[in-house]
Structure formats: structure tokens, C-alpha cells
């Protein structure tokens, strides 16, 4: 996982603002980000350890240790989702068949 800092995310933030990729919730702190350049989709996930934020993406840039715009898009959705009351998140969390899933805030 890549440690996310203000310094290493700035270029990716600018690219994310320009491309505006679509993000879909998968599971707790895991999202699917659809590429704005082609039909690719990438799974991104996040963790917080000792107050530091980390992220991981399946794209080639992230594999090289770079913060990609997929991570920034997923991080934005993750921050929003983590800020929502648990009951609201539980109502919004659905699986691929549209069934409501129960969610619990962890960490």
C-alpha cells in the first residue's frame, strides 16, 4: 500500500478533477474506479494505520508506487462514505442484485 500524503497526491488530484472518473462502492473501504480513458476498471482499497492513510490500486502506476487518479477518486468516495452516519451507509450499501447489505464501521 502507498502512504497518501498531501505532497504525493497533488498531481493525481489535478488529473482526477480533469477526468472525473466514476466510482462504485464494493465493500468497506474498497471501491471500483472506472477509467476515464478507456473501458478499464480498477479496484482500490484504503486503510488507516497509526493515523496515517494508505491506498492501493490495481493500475500500473500504483504498482510502481505512484499515486494515481484512481486512488484519489476512490479516496474522495471513501472520505465521504466514512463521514456518513452508519444507518445511512447501511441503507445505501447494496450488492449486485440490489439487496441491502448490513455495514459496520471499522477503524
PDB file of N, CA and C in Angstrom:
ATOM      1  N   UNK A   1       0.846  -1.191   0.000  1.00  0.00           N
ATOM      2  CA  UNK A   1       0.000   0.000   0.000  1.00  0.00           C
ATOM      3  C   UNK A   1       0.885   1.245   0.000  1.00  0.00           C
ATOM      4  N   UNK A   2       0.369   2.284  -0.611  1.00  0.00           N
ATOM      5  CA  UNK A   2       1.092   3.549  -0.723  1.00  0.00           C
ATOM      6  C   UNK A   2       0.598   4.512   0.348  1.00  0.00           C
ATOM      7  N   UNK A   3       1.539   5.113   1.074  1.00  0.00           N
ATOM      8  CA  UNK A   3       1.169   6.128   2.054  1.00  0.00           C
ATOM      9  C   UNK A   3       0.692   7.366   1.291  1.00  0.00           C
ATOM     10  N   UNK A   4      -0.492   7.857   1.632  1.00  0.00           N
ATOM     11  CA  UNK A   4      -1.086   9.008   0.946  1.00  0.00           C
ATOM     12  C   UNK A   4      -0.783  10.275   1.733  1.00  0.00           C
ATOM     13  N   UNK A   5      -0.126  11.223   1.065  1.00  0.00           N
ATOM     14  CA  UNK A   5       0.213  12.495   1.692  1.00  0.00           C
ATOM     15  C   UNK A   5      -0.234  13.632   0.783  1.00  0.00           C
ATOM     16  N   UNK A   6      -0.255  14.817   1.330  1.00  0.00           N
ATOM     17  CA  UNK A   6      -0.600  15.997   0.533  1.00  0.00           C
ATOM     18  C   UNK A   6       0.388  16.165  -0.626  1.00  0.00           C
ATOM     19  N   UNK A   7       1.641  15.901  -0.350  1.00  0.00           N
ATOM     20  CA  UNK A   7       2.676  16.097  -1.365  1.00  0.00           C
ATOM     21  C   UNK A   7       2.563  15.105  -2.525  1.00  0.00           C
ATOM     22  N   UNK A   8       2.325  13.821  -2.225  1.00  0.00           N
ATOM     23  CA  UNK A   8       2.346  12.828  -3.300  1.00  0.00           C
ATOM     24  C   UNK A   8       1.001  12.650  -4.009  1.00  0.00           C
ATOM     25  N   UNK A   9      -0.014  13.398  -3.607  1.00  0.00           N
ATOM     26  CA  UNK A   9      -1.323  13.264  -4.264  1.00  0.00           C
ATOM     27  C   UNK A   9      -1.682  14.448  -5.160  1.00  0.00           C
ATOM     28  N   UNK A  10      -0.909  15.519  -5.129  1.00  0.00           N
ATOM     29  CA  UNK A  10      -1.301  16.749  -5.824  1.00  0.00           C
ATOM     30  C   UNK A  10      -1.499  16.573  -7.326  1.00  0.00           C
ATOM     31  N   UNK A  11      -0.577  15.905  -8.005  1.00  0.00           N
ATOM     32  CA  UNK A  11      -0.723  15.707  -9.456  1.00  0.00           C
ATOM     33  C   UNK A  11      -1.926  14.828  -9.765  1.00  0.00           C
ATOM     34  N   UNK A  12      -2.124  13.789  -8.966  1.00  0.00           N
ATOM     35  CA  UNK A  12      -3.249  12.888  -9.180  1.00  0.00           C
ATOM     36  C   UNK A  12      -4.583  13.595  -8.917  1.00  0.00           C
ATOM     37  N   UNK A  13      -4.614  14.505  -7.948  1.00  0.00           N
ATOM     38  CA  UNK A  13      -5.827  15.286  -7.675  1.00  0.00           C
ATOM     39  C   UNK A  13      -6.182  16.127  -8.894  1.00  0.00           C
ATOM     40  N   UNK A  14      -5.192  16.776  -9.485  1.00  0.00           N
ATOM     41  CA  UNK A  14      -5.436  17.605 -10.664  1.00  0.00           C
ATOM     42  C   UNK A  14      -5.961  16.757 -11.822  1.00  0.00           C
ATOM     43  N   UNK A  15      -5.374  15.580 -12.019  1.00  0.00           N
ATOM     44  CA  UNK A  15      -5.820  14.703 -13.108  1.00  0.00           C
ATOM     45  C   UNK A  15      -7.221  14.173 -12.835  1.00  0.00           C
ATOM     46  N   UNK A  16      -7.511  13.853 -11.588  1.00  0.00           N
ATOM     47  CA  UNK A  16      -8.838  13.357 -11.209  1.00  0.00           C
ATOM     48  C   UNK A  16      -9.896  14.432 -11.455  1.00  0.00           C
ATOM     49  N   UNK A  17      -9.589  15.664 -11.116  1.00  0.00           N
ATOM     50  CA  UNK A  17     -10.526  16.771 -11.348  1.00  0.00           C
ATOM     51  C   UNK A  17     -10.801  16.949 -12.839  1.00  0.00           C
ATOM     52  N   UNK A  18      -9.785  16.749 -13.640  1.00  0.00           N
ATOM     53  CA  UNK A  18      -9.928  16.908 -15.083  1.00  0.00           C
ATOM     54  C   UNK A  18     -10.744  15.762 -15.691  1.00  0.00           C
ATOM     55  N   UNK A  19     -10.465  14.509 -15.291  1.00  0.00           N
ATOM     56  CA  UNK A  19     -11.084  13.343 -15.923  1.00  0.00           C
ATOM     57  C   UNK A  19     -12.418  12.930 -15.307  1.00  0.00           C
ATOM     58  N   UNK A  20     -12.631  13.243 -14.037  1.00  0.00           N
ATOM     59  CA  UNK A  20     -13.878  12.924 -13.331  1.00  0.00           C
ATOM     60  C   UNK A  20     -14.314  11.453 -13.507  1.00  0.00           C
ATOM     61  N   UNK A  21     -13.496  10.521 -13.027  1.00  0.00           N
ATOM     62  CA  UNK A  21     -13.857   9.102 -13.165  1.00  0.00           C
ATOM     63  C   UNK A  21     -15.056   8.733 -12.291  1.00  0.00           C
ATOM     64  N   UNK A  22     -15.729   7.666 -12.683  1.00  0.00           N
ATOM     65  CA  UNK A  22     -16.879   7.158 -11.939  1.00  0.00           C
ATOM     66  C   UNK A  22     -16.390   6.156 -10.897  1.00  0.00           C
ATOM     67  N   UNK A  23     -16.991   6.191  -9.715  1.00  0.00           N
ATOM     68  CA  UNK A  23     -16.573   5.337  -8.598  1.00  0.00           C
ATOM     69  C   UNK A  23     -17.780   4.557  -8.085  1.00  0.00           C
ATOM     70  N   UNK A  24     -17.564   3.279  -7.800  1.00  0.00           N
ATOM     71  CA  UNK A  24     -18.624   2.417  -7.272  1.00  0.00           C
ATOM     72  C   UNK A  24     -18.135   1.759  -5.980  1.00  0.00           C
ATOM     73  N   UNK A  25     -18.963   1.798  -4.946  1.00  0.00           N
ATOM     74  CA  UNK A  25     -18.653   1.143  -3.677  1.00  0.00           C
ATOM     75  C   UNK A  25     -18.698  -0.371  -3.859  1.00  0.00           C
ATOM     76  N   UNK A  26     -17.704  -1.081  -3.306  1.00  0.00           N
ATOM     77  CA  UNK A  26     -17.666  -2.542  -3.366  1.00  0.00           C
ATOM     78  C   UNK A  26     -17.883  -3.123  -1.976  1.00  0.00           C
ATOM     79  N   UNK A  27     -17.051  -2.734  -1.039  1.00  0.00           N
ATOM     80  CA  UNK A  27     -17.131  -3.212   0.343  1.00  0.00           C
ATOM     81  C   UNK A  27     -16.425  -2.183   1.209  1.00  0.00           C
ATOM     82  N   UNK A  28     -16.386  -2.418   2.506  1.00  0.00           N
ATOM     83  CA  UNK A  28     -15.781  -1.452   3.418  1.00  0.00           C
ATOM     84  C   UNK A  28     -14.397  -1.016   2.940  1.00  0.00           C
ATOM     85  N   UNK A  29     -14.265   0.279   2.636  1.00  0.00           N
ATOM     86  CA  UNK A  29     -13.021   0.906   2.191  1.00  0.00           C
ATOM     87  C   UNK A  29     -12.458   0.310   0.903  1.00  0.00           C
ATOM     88  N   UNK A  30     -13.304  -0.312   0.105  1.00  0.00           N
ATOM     89  CA  UNK A  30     -12.914  -0.854  -1.197  1.00  0.00           C
ATOM     90  C   UNK A  30     -13.882  -0.323  -2.243  1.00  0.00           C
ATOM     91  N   UNK A  31     -13.322   0.177  -3.346  1.00  0.00           N
ATOM     92  CA  UNK A  31     -14.121   0.798  -4.401  1.00  0.00           C
ATOM     93  C   UNK A  31     -13.635   0.333  -5.766  1.00  0.00           C
ATOM     94  N   UNK A  32     -14.522   0.431  -6.740  1.00  0.00           N
ATOM     95  CA  UNK A  32     -14.176   0.166  -8.128  1.00  0.00           C
ATOM     96  C   UNK A  32     -14.179   1.516  -8.842  1.00  0.00           C
ATOM     97  N   UNK A  33     -13.084   1.836  -9.518  1.00  0.00           N
ATOM     98  CA  UNK A  33     -12.967   3.115 -10.221  1.00  0.00           C
ATOM     99  C   UNK A  33     -12.877   2.815 -11.712  1.00  0.00           C
ATOM    100  N   UNK A  34     -13.750   3.448 -12.478  1.00  0.00           N
ATOM    101  CA  UNK A  34     -13.813   3.239 -13.918  1.00  0.00           C
ATOM    102  C   UNK A  34     -12.938   4.278 -14.602  1.00  0.00           C
ATOM    103  N   UNK A  35     -12.017   3.800 -15.425  1.00  0.00           N
ATOM    104  CA  UNK A  35     -11.087   4.685 -16.124  1.00  0.00           C
ATOM    105  C   UNK A  35     -11.846   5.645 -17.025  1.00  0.00           C
ATOM    106  N   UNK A  36     -11.375   6.863 -17.084  1.00  0.00           N
ATOM    107  CA  UNK A  36     -11.971   7.859 -17.965  1.00  0.00           C
ATOM    108  C   UNK A  36     -11.388   7.775 -19.365  1.00  0.00           C
ATOM    109  N   UNK A  37     -10.261   7.070 -19.514  1.00  0.00           N
ATOM    110  CA  UNK A  37      -9.570   6.985 -20.801  1.00  0.00           C
ATOM    111  C   UNK A  37     -10.000   5.809 -21.652  1.00  0.00           C
ATOM    112  N   UNK A  38     -10.501   4.755 -21.015  1.00  0.00           N
ATOM    113  CA  UNK A  38     -10.873   3.535 -21.739  1.00  0.00           C
ATOM    114  C   UNK A  38     -11.896   2.762 -20.917  1.00  0.00           C
ATOM    115  N   UNK A  39     -12.107   1.506 -21.241  1.00  0.00           N
ATOM    116  CA  UNK A  39     -13.123   0.711 -20.536  1.00  0.00           C
ATOM    117  C   UNK A  39     -12.564  -0.028 -19.323  1.00  0.00           C
ATOM    118  N   UNK A  40     -11.345   0.255 -18.933  1.00  0.00           N
ATOM    119  CA  UNK A  40     -10.751  -0.414 -17.777  1.00  0.00           C
ATOM    120  C   UNK A  40     -11.417   0.020 -16.477  1.00  0.00           C
ATOM    121  N   UNK A  41     -11.390  -0.885 -15.519  1.00  0.00           N
ATOM    122  CA  UNK A  41     -11.825  -0.546 -14.165  1.00  0.00           C
ATOM    123  C   UNK A  41     -10.796  -1.106 -13.200  1.00  0.00           C
ATOM    124  N   UNK A  42     -10.614  -0.391 -12.120  1.00  0.00           N
ATOM    125  CA  UNK A  42      -9.578  -0.737 -11.153  1.00  0.00           C
ATOM    126  C   UNK A  42     -10.167  -0.781  -9.754  1.00  0.00           C
ATOM    127  N   UNK A  43      -9.773  -1.787  -8.995  1.00  0.00           N
ATOM    128  CA  UNK A  43     -10.210  -1.854  -7.604  1.00  0.00           C
ATOM    129  C   UNK A  43      -9.191  -1.119  -6.746  1.00  0.00           C
ATOM    130  N   UNK A  44      -9.689  -0.235  -5.905  1.00  0.00           N
ATOM    131  CA  UNK A  44      -8.837   0.498  -4.975  1.00  0.00           C
ATOM    132  C   UNK A  44      -9.320   0.217  -3.557  1.00  0.00           C
ATOM    133  N   UNK A  45      -8.380   0.175  -2.635  1.00  0.00           N
ATOM    134  CA  UNK A  45      -8.771  -0.019  -1.235  1.00  0.00           C
ATOM    135  C   UNK A  45      -7.894   0.827  -0.345  1.00  0.00           C
ATOM    136  N   UNK A  46      -8.416   1.074   0.839  1.00  0.00           N
ATOM    137  CA  UNK A  46      -7.779   2.027   1.750  1.00  0.00           C
ATOM    138  C   UNK A  46      -7.676   1.446   3.140  1.00  0.00           C
ATOM    139  N   UNK A  47      -6.715   1.973   3.885  1.00  0.00           N
ATOM    140  CA  UNK A  47      -6.518   1.573   5.271  1.00  0.00           C
ATOM    141  C   UNK A  47      -5.921   2.754   6.020  1.00  0.00           C
ATOM    142  N   UNK A  48      -6.131   2.780   7.308  1.00  0.00           N
ATOM    143  CA  UNK A  48      -5.521   3.782   8.179  1.00  0.00           C
ATOM    144  C   UNK A  48      -4.766   3.016   9.254  1.00  0.00           C
ATOM    145  N   UNK A  49      -3.481   3.333   9.364  1.00  0.00           N
ATOM    146  CA  UNK A  49      -2.628   2.688  10.369  1.00  0.00           C
ATOM    147  C   UNK A  49      -1.918   3.770  11.151  1.00  0.00           C
ATOM    148  N   UNK A  50      -2.119   3.774  12.458  1.00  0.00           N
ATOM    149  CA  UNK A  50      -1.487   4.771  13.337  1.00  0.00           C
ATOM    150  C   UNK A  50      -1.735   6.195  12.844  1.00  0.00           C
ATOM    151  N   UNK A  51      -2.947   6.448  12.363  1.00  0.00           N
ATOM    152  CA  UNK A  51      -3.326   7.782  11.914  1.00  0.00           C
ATOM    153  C   UNK A  51      -2.841   8.149  10.525  1.00  0.00           C
ATOM    154  N   UNK A  52      -2.087   7.266   9.868  1.00  0.00           N
ATOM    155  CA  UNK A  52      -1.604   7.526   8.516  1.00  0.00           C
ATOM    156  C   UNK A  52      -2.501   6.802   7.514  1.00  0.00           C
ATOM    157  N   UNK A  53      -2.740   7.466   6.374  1.00  0.00           N
ATOM    158  CA  UNK A  53      -3.651   6.930   5.363  1.00  0.00           C
ATOM    159  C   UNK A  53      -2.857   6.227   4.265  1.00  0.00           C
ATOM    160  N   UNK A  54      -3.362   5.054   3.869  1.00  0.00           N
ATOM    161  CA  UNK A  54      -2.731   4.254   2.834  1.00  0.00           C
ATOM    162  C   UNK A  54      -3.757   3.849   1.792  1.00  0.00           C
ATOM    163  N   UNK A  55      -3.296   3.679   0.559  1.00  0.00           N
ATOM    164  CA  UNK A  55      -4.180   3.248  -0.512  1.00  0.00           C
ATOM    165  C   UNK A  55      -3.459   2.315  -1.464  1.00  0.00           C
ATOM    166  N   UNK A  56      -4.250   1.503  -2.158  1.00  0.00           N
ATOM    167  CA  UNK A  56      -3.704   0.568  -3.136  1.00  0.00           C
ATOM    168  C   UNK A  56      -4.649   0.498  -4.327  1.00  0.00           C
ATOM    169  N   UNK A  57      -4.078   0.520  -5.535  1.00  0.00           N
ATOM    170  CA  UNK A  57      -4.845   0.416  -6.774  1.00  0.00           C
ATOM    171  C   UNK A  57      -4.231  -0.693  -7.617  1.00  0.00           C
ATOM    172  N   UNK A  58      -5.022  -1.243  -8.518  1.00  0.00           N
ATOM    173  CA  UNK A  58      -4.541  -2.311  -9.390  1.00  0.00           C
ATOM    174  C   UNK A  58      -3.849  -1.799 -10.656  1.00  0.00           C
ATOM    175  N   UNK A  59      -3.799  -0.494 -10.868  1.00  0.00           N
ATOM    176  CA  UNK A  59      -3.228   0.034 -12.115  1.00  0.00           C
ATOM    177  C   UNK A  59      -1.694  -0.023 -12.087  1.00  0.00           C
ATOM    178  N   UNK A  60      -1.097   0.156 -13.274  1.00  0.00           N
ATOM    179  CA  UNK A  60       0.361   0.072 -13.405  1.00  0.00           C
ATOM    180  C   UNK A  60       1.088   1.171 -12.640  1.00  0.00           C
ATOM    181  N   UNK A  61       0.535   2.377 -12.604  1.00  0.00           N
ATOM    182  CA  UNK A  61       1.172   3.477 -11.869  1.00  0.00           C
ATOM    183  C   UNK A  61       1.277   3.145 -10.391  1.00  0.00           C
ATOM    184  N   UNK A  62       0.205   2.625  -9.840  1.00  0.00           N
ATOM    185  CA  UNK A  62       0.195   2.272  -8.418  1.00  0.00           C
ATOM    186  C   UNK A  62       1.154   1.121  -8.136  1.00  0.00           C
ATOM    187  N   UNK A  63       1.258   0.184  -9.069  1.00  0.00           N
ATOM    188  CA  UNK A  63       2.196  -0.923  -8.897  1.00  0.00           C
ATOM    189  C   UNK A  63       3.639  -0.414  -8.820  1.00  0.00           C
ATOM    190  N   UNK A  64       3.898   0.743  -9.442  1.00  0.00           N
ATOM    191  CA  UNK A  64       5.236   1.357  -9.391  1.00  0.00           C
ATOM    192  C   UNK A  64       5.393   2.280  -8.183  1.00  0.00           C
ATOM    193  N   UNK A  65       4.390   2.321  -7.319  1.00  0.00           N
ATOM    194  CA  UNK A  65       4.468   3.131  -6.105  1.00  0.00           C
ATOM    195  C   UNK A  65       4.001   4.562  -6.265  1.00  0.00           C
ATOM    196  N   UNK A  66       3.339   4.868  -7.396  1.00  0.00           N
ATOM    197  CA  UNK A  66       2.846   6.221  -7.637  1.00  0.00           C
ATOM    198  C   UNK A  66       1.378   6.338  -7.247  1.00  0.00           C
ATOM    199  N   UNK A  67       0.991   7.521  -6.805  1.00  0.00           N
ATOM    200  CA  UNK A  67      -0.419   7.782  -6.503  1.00  0.00           C
ATOM    201  C   UNK A  67      -1.111   8.108  -7.824  1.00  0.00           C
ATOM    202  N   UNK A  68      -2.110   7.328  -8.186  1.00  0.00           N
ATOM    203  CA  UNK A  68      -2.837   7.512  -9.443  1.00  0.00           C
ATOM    204  C   UNK A  68      -4.159   8.248  -9.189  1.00  0.00           C
ATOM    205  N   UNK A  69      -4.780   8.710 -10.271  1.00  0.00           N
ATOM    206  CA  UNK A  69      -6.055   9.407 -10.107  1.00  0.00           C
ATOM    207  C   UNK A  69      -7.163   8.459  -9.669  1.00  0.00           C
ATOM    208  N   UNK A  70      -7.008   7.151  -9.889  1.00  0.00           N
ATOM    209  CA  UNK A  70      -7.992   6.177  -9.413  1.00  0.00           C
ATOM    210  C   UNK A  70      -8.016   6.185  -7.878  1.00  0.00           C
ATOM    211  N   UNK A  71      -6.817   6.256  -7.276  1.00  0.00           N
ATOM    212  CA  UNK A  71      -6.733   6.317  -5.812  1.00  0.00           C
ATOM    213  C   UNK A  71      -7.385   7.583  -5.274  1.00  0.00           C
ATOM    214  N   UNK A  72      -7.149   8.697  -5.934  1.00  0.00           N
ATOM    215  CA  UNK A  72      -7.737   9.963  -5.484  1.00  0.00           C
ATOM    216  C   UNK A  72      -9.258   9.904  -5.591  1.00  0.00           C
ATOM    217  N   UNK A  73      -9.769   9.363  -6.698  1.00  0.00           N
ATOM    218  CA  UNK A  73     -11.225   9.249  -6.866  1.00  0.00           C
ATOM    219  C   UNK A  73     -11.822   8.340  -5.787  1.00  0.00           C
ATOM    220  N   UNK A  74     -11.174   7.197  -5.558  1.00  0.00           N
ATOM    221  CA  UNK A  74     -11.649   6.284  -4.525  1.00  0.00           C
ATOM    222  C   UNK A  74     -11.529   6.883  -3.132  1.00  0.00           C
ATOM    223  N   UNK A  75     -10.449   7.615  -2.883  1.00  0.00           N
ATOM    224  CA  UNK A  75     -10.253   8.252  -1.576  1.00  0.00           C
ATOM    225  C   UNK A  75     -11.338   9.287  -1.302  1.00  0.00           C
ATOM    226  N   UNK A  76     -11.709  10.024  -2.331  1.00  0.00           N
ATOM    227  CA  UNK A  76     -12.787  11.014  -2.179  1.00  0.00           C
ATOM    228  C   UNK A  76     -14.086  10.332  -1.781  1.00  0.00           C
ATOM    229  N   UNK A  77     -14.406   9.235  -2.460  1.00  0.00           N
ATOM    230  CA  UNK A  77     -15.623   8.474  -2.129  1.00  0.00           C
ATOM    231  C   UNK A  77     -15.512   7.860  -0.737  1.00  0.00           C
ATOM    232  N   UNK A  78     -14.324   7.374  -0.390  1.00  0.00           N
ATOM    233  CA  UNK A  78     -14.120   6.772   0.925  1.00  0.00           C
ATOM    234  C   UNK A  78     -14.286   7.793   2.043  1.00  0.00           C
ATOM    235  N   UNK A  79     -13.720   8.975   1.858  1.00  0.00           N
ATOM    236  CA  UNK A  79     -13.852  10.034   2.873  1.00  0.00           C
ATOM    237  C   UNK A  79     -15.317  10.402   3.055  1.00  0.00           C
ATOM    238  N   UNK A  80     -16.024  10.558   1.949  1.00  0.00           N
ATOM    239  CA  UNK A  80     -17.455  10.874   2.031  1.00  0.00           C
ATOM    240  C   UNK A  80     -18.205   9.756   2.746  1.00  0.00           C
ATOM    241  N   UNK A  81     -17.948   8.519   2.352  1.00  0.00           N
ATOM    242  CA  UNK A  81     -18.661   7.376   2.928  1.00  0.00           C
ATOM    243  C   UNK A  81     -18.374   7.237   4.422  1.00  0.00           C
ATOM    244  N   UNK A  82     -17.125   7.408   4.820  1.00  0.00           N
ATOM    245  CA  UNK A  82     -16.773   7.274   6.231  1.00  0.00           C
ATOM    246  C   UNK A  82     -17.371   8.397   7.075  1.00  0.00           C
ATOM    247  N   UNK A  83     -17.718   9.513   6.448  1.00  0.00           N
ATOM    248  CA  UNK A  83     -18.299  10.634   7.192  1.00  0.00           C
ATOM    249  C   UNK A  83     -19.801  10.487   7.387  1.00  0.00           C
ATOM    250  N   UNK A  84     -20.427   9.529   6.700  1.00  0.00           N
ATOM    251  CA  UNK A  84     -21.874   9.343   6.791  1.00  0.00           C
ATOM    252  C   UNK A  84     -22.244   8.556   8.052  1.00  0.00           C
ATOM    253  N   UNK A  85     -23.407   8.851   8.625  1.00  0.00           N
ATOM    254  CA  UNK A  85     -23.869   8.050   9.768  1.00  0.00           C
ATOM    255  C   UNK A  85     -24.012   6.589   9.353  1.00  0.00           C
ATOM    256  N   UNK A  86     -23.735   5.696  10.268  1.00  0.00           N
ATOM    257  CA  UNK A  86     -23.768   4.261   9.975  1.00  0.00           C
ATOM    258  C   UNK A  86     -25.120   3.839   9.417  1.00  0.00           C
ATOM    259  N   UNK A  87     -26.224   4.349   9.945  1.00  0.00           N
ATOM    260  CA  UNK A  87     -27.545   3.936   9.462  1.00  0.00           C
ATOM    261  C   UNK A  87     -27.758   4.342   8.009  1.00  0.00           C
ATOM    262  N   UNK A  88     -27.287   5.504   7.625  1.00  0.00           N
ATOM    263  CA  UNK A  88     -27.414   5.948   6.240  1.00  0.00           C
ATOM    264  C   UNK A  88     -26.567   5.076   5.331  1.00  0.00           C
ATOM    265  N   UNK A  89     -25.349   4.736   5.750  1.00  0.00           N
ATOM    266  CA  UNK A  89     -24.483   3.872   4.946  1.00  0.00           C
ATOM    267  C   UNK A  89     -25.107   2.500   4.780  1.00  0.00           C
ATOM    268  N   UNK A  90     -25.742   1.982   5.827  1.00  0.00           N
ATOM    269  CA  UNK A  90     -26.358   0.662   5.740  1.00  0.00           C
ATOM    270  C   UNK A  90     -27.481   0.660   4.715  1.00  0.00           C
ATOM    271  N   UNK A  91     -28.265   1.735   4.643  1.00  0.00           N
ATOM    272  CA  UNK A  91     -29.337   1.810   3.653  1.00  0.00           C
ATOM    273  C   UNK A  91     -28.801   1.888   2.238  1.00  0.00           C
ATOM    274  N   UNK A  92     -27.655   2.510   2.056  1.00  0.00           N
ATOM    275  CA  UNK A  92     -27.101   2.695   0.717  1.00  0.00           C
ATOM    276  C   UNK A  92     -26.293   1.505   0.224  1.00  0.00           C
ATOM    277  N   UNK A  93     -25.805   0.657   1.107  1.00  0.00           N
ATOM    278  CA  UNK A  93     -24.954  -0.458   0.711  1.00  0.00           C
ATOM    279  C   UNK A  93     -25.805  -1.587   0.150  1.00  0.00           C
ATOM    280  N   UNK A  94     -25.623  -1.868  -1.129  1.00  0.00           N
ATOM    281  CA  UNK A  94     -26.379  -2.934  -1.778  1.00  0.00           C
ATOM    282  C   UNK A  94     -25.415  -3.807  -2.561  1.00  0.00           C
ATOM    283  N   UNK A  95     -25.785  -5.080  -2.703  1.00  0.00           N
ATOM    284  CA  UNK A  95     -24.956  -5.949  -3.520  1.00  0.00           C
ATOM    285  C   UNK A  95     -25.395  -5.849  -4.977  1.00  0.00           C
ATOM    286  N   UNK A  96     -24.793  -6.648  -5.857  1.00  0.00           N
ATOM    287  CA  UNK A  96     -25.070  -6.534  -7.290  1.00  0.00           C
ATOM    288  C   UNK A  96     -26.510  -6.890  -7.647  1.00  0.00           C
ATOM    289  N   UNK A  97     -27.204  -7.627  -6.796  1.00  0.00           N
ATOM    290  CA  UNK A  97     -28.611  -7.952  -7.045  1.00  0.00           C
ATOM    291  C   UNK A  97     -29.553  -6.907  -6.447  1.00  0.00           C
ATOM    292  N   UNK A  98     -28.988  -5.868  -5.843  1.00  0.00           N
ATOM    293  CA  UNK A  98     -29.806  -4.818  -5.263  1.00  0.00           C
ATOM    294  C   UNK A  98     -30.266  -5.097  -3.844  1.00  0.00           C
ATOM    295  N   UNK A  99     -29.795  -6.187  -3.254  1.00  0.00           N
ATOM    296  CA  UNK A  99     -30.175  -6.500  -1.881  1.00  0.00           C
ATOM    297  C   UNK A  99     -29.371  -5.629  -0.926  1.00  0.00           C
ATOM    298  N   UNK A 100     -30.030  -5.116   0.093  1.00  0.00           N
ATOM    299  CA  UNK A 100     -29.340  -4.261   1.061  1.00  0.00           C
ATOM    300  C   UNK A 100     -28.444  -5.115   1.942  1.00  0.00           C
ATOM    301  N   UNK A 101     -27.215  -4.663   2.080  1.00  0.00           N
ATOM    302  CA  UNK A 101     -26.249  -5.335   2.934  1.00  0.00           C
ATOM    303  C   UNK A 101     -26.115  -4.557   4.233  1.00  0.00           C
ATOM    304  N   UNK A 102     -25.802  -5.234   5.299  1.00  0.00           N
ATOM    305  CA  UNK A 102     -25.531  -4.518   6.556  1.00  0.00           C
ATOM    306  C   UNK A 102     -24.071  -4.128   6.549  1.00  0.00           C
ATOM    307  N   UNK A 103     -23.794  -2.959   7.042  1.00  0.00           N
ATOM    308  CA  UNK A 103     -22.418  -2.493   7.100  1.00  0.00           C
ATOM    309  C   UNK A 103     -22.099  -2.070   8.519  1.00  0.00           C
ATOM    310  N   UNK A 104     -20.850  -2.178   8.851  1.00  0.00           N
ATOM    311  CA  UNK A 104     -20.394  -1.759  10.159  1.00  0.00           C
ATOM    312  C   UNK A 104     -19.160  -0.901   9.973  1.00  0.00           C
ATOM    313  N   UNK A 105     -19.082   0.133  10.743  1.00  0.00           N
ATOM    314  CA  UNK A 105     -17.896   0.986  10.688  1.00  0.00           C
ATOM    315  C   UNK A 105     -16.772   0.281  11.429  1.00  0.00           C
ATOM    316  N   UNK A 106     -15.641   0.142  10.757  1.00  0.00           N
ATOM    317  CA  UNK A 106     -14.467  -0.457  11.400  1.00  0.00           C
ATOM    318  C   UNK A 106     -13.323   0.511  11.265  1.00  0.00           C
ATOM    319  N   UNK A 107     -12.603   0.677  12.334  1.00  0.00           N
ATOM    320  CA  UNK A 107     -11.405   1.513  12.320  1.00  0.00           C
ATOM    321  C   UNK A 107     -11.595   2.928  12.023  1.00  0.00           C
TER     322      UNK A 107
END
